[in-house]
Amino acid sequence: MFAIALACVVLVNWETTTSLSEQNPNDNDRVTLDCSAPENPYYEGSGEHDGFEWAERTHATSCVSDGSFRAGCEEYRKQTAKLFQCEN
């Protein structure tokens, strides 16, 4: 009997939390939005690191290379897009 009561409480709490996040989806976005300056997460000497550094240095608007260099470049663009969202 206790297990059934506990399951009902958990279910009601889950439904309340879900309905609140559906009503105000932008409230949750603001809480998790990262507004810090772009930071290179890759180890020095890797293709990803070089791509990130290149994109940061040139303020790249597109990443035309392939492979790991492109992955680093795209990471920089992703971080700057998040920062742009914070500023607007």
Protein backbone atom coordinates (compact mmCIF):
# COMPACT_ATOMS: atom_id res chain seq x y z
CA MET A 1 0.00 0.00 0.00
CA PHE A 2 2.85 2.38 0.87
CA ALA A 3 4.45 1.77 -2.54
CA ILE A 4 1.25 2.74 -4.32
CA ALA A 5 0.92 5.95 -2.30
CA LEU A 6 4.55 6.83 -2.98
CA ALA A 7 4.09 6.21 -6.70
CA CYS A 8 1.07 8.54 -6.74
CA VAL A 9 3.02 11.32 -5.00
CA VAL A 10 5.93 10.98 -7.44
CA LEU A 11 3.58 10.95 -10.42
CA VAL A 12 1.70 14.08 -9.25
CA ASN A 13 4.98 15.91 -8.60
CA TRP A 14 6.34 14.92 -12.04
CA GLU A 15 3.16 16.09 -13.80
CA THR A 16 3.25 19.44 -11.97
CA THR A 17 6.90 20.02 -12.87
CA THR A 18 6.29 19.03 -16.49
CA SER A 19 3.28 21.31 -16.87
CA LEU A 20 5.14 24.28 -15.36
CA SER A 21 8.06 23.86 -17.77
CA GLU A 22 5.67 23.59 -20.71
CA GLN A 23 3.89 26.78 -19.67
CA ASN A 24 7.08 28.82 -19.35
CA PRO A 25 9.73 27.25 -21.60
CA ASN A 26 11.74 30.48 -21.82
CA ASP A 27 12.16 30.63 -18.04
CA ASN A 28 14.10 27.36 -18.14
CA ASP A 29 16.22 28.55 -21.09
CA ARG A 30 17.35 31.64 -19.17
CA VAL A 31 18.46 29.57 -16.20
CA THR A 32 20.67 27.26 -18.28
CA LEU A 33 21.98 29.85 -20.75
CA ASP A 34 25.77 30.17 -20.55
CA CYS A 35 26.74 33.82 -20.90
CA SER A 36 30.49 33.44 -20.48
CA ALA A 37 33.04 34.37 -23.12
CA PRO A 38 34.02 31.58 -25.54
CA GLU A 39 36.56 29.22 -24.03
CA ASN A 40 38.57 26.63 -25.93
CA PRO A 41 37.76 23.23 -24.38
CA TYR A 42 40.32 21.28 -26.44
CA TYR A 43 43.87 20.34 -25.56
CA GLU A 44 46.63 22.34 -27.19
CA GLY A 45 48.04 20.82 -30.35
CA SER A 46 44.83 19.08 -31.39
CA GLY A 47 43.03 19.89 -34.61
CA GLU A 48 39.97 20.94 -32.63
CA HIS A 49 42.06 23.37 -30.57
CA ASP A 50 43.58 24.87 -33.71
CA GLY A 51 40.17 25.23 -35.36
CA PHE A 52 38.75 26.95 -32.29
CA GLU A 53 41.73 29.31 -32.07
CA TRP A 54 41.52 30.13 -35.77
CA ALA A 55 37.80 30.90 -35.55
CA GLU A 56 38.37 33.07 -32.49
CA ARG A 57 41.23 34.95 -34.13
CA THR A 58 39.39 35.55 -37.43
CA HIS A 59 35.87 35.91 -36.00
CA ALA A 60 34.83 33.21 -38.47
CA THR A 61 31.27 33.30 -39.73
CA SER A 62 31.62 29.92 -41.41
CA CYS A 63 33.85 26.87 -41.06
CA VAL A 64 34.91 25.48 -44.42
CA SER A 65 37.50 22.92 -43.36
CA ASP A 66 36.84 19.25 -42.61
CA GLY A 67 37.50 16.98 -39.65
CA SER A 68 38.73 18.02 -36.25
CA PHE A 69 39.69 21.55 -37.33
CA ARG A 70 36.09 22.14 -38.39
CA ALA A 71 34.80 20.67 -35.12
CA GLY A 72 36.82 23.24 -33.16
CA CYS A 73 35.65 26.04 -35.42
CA GLU A 74 32.02 24.97 -35.01
CA GLU A 75 32.45 24.85 -31.22
CA TYR A 76 33.62 28.47 -31.26
CA ARG A 77 30.65 29.48 -33.39
CA LYS A 78 28.28 27.62 -31.06
CA GLN A 79 29.68 29.39 -28.00
CA THR A 80 29.52 32.82 -29.64
CA ALA A 81 25.91 32.18 -30.71
CA LYS A 82 25.01 31.47 -27.07
CA LEU A 83 26.78 34.65 -26.00
CA PHE A 84 24.84 36.60 -28.64
CA GLN A 85 21.58 35.24 -27.17
CA CYS A 86 22.59 36.59 -23.77
CA GLU A 87 23.21 40.04 -25.16
CA ASN A 88 19.78 40.22 -26.80
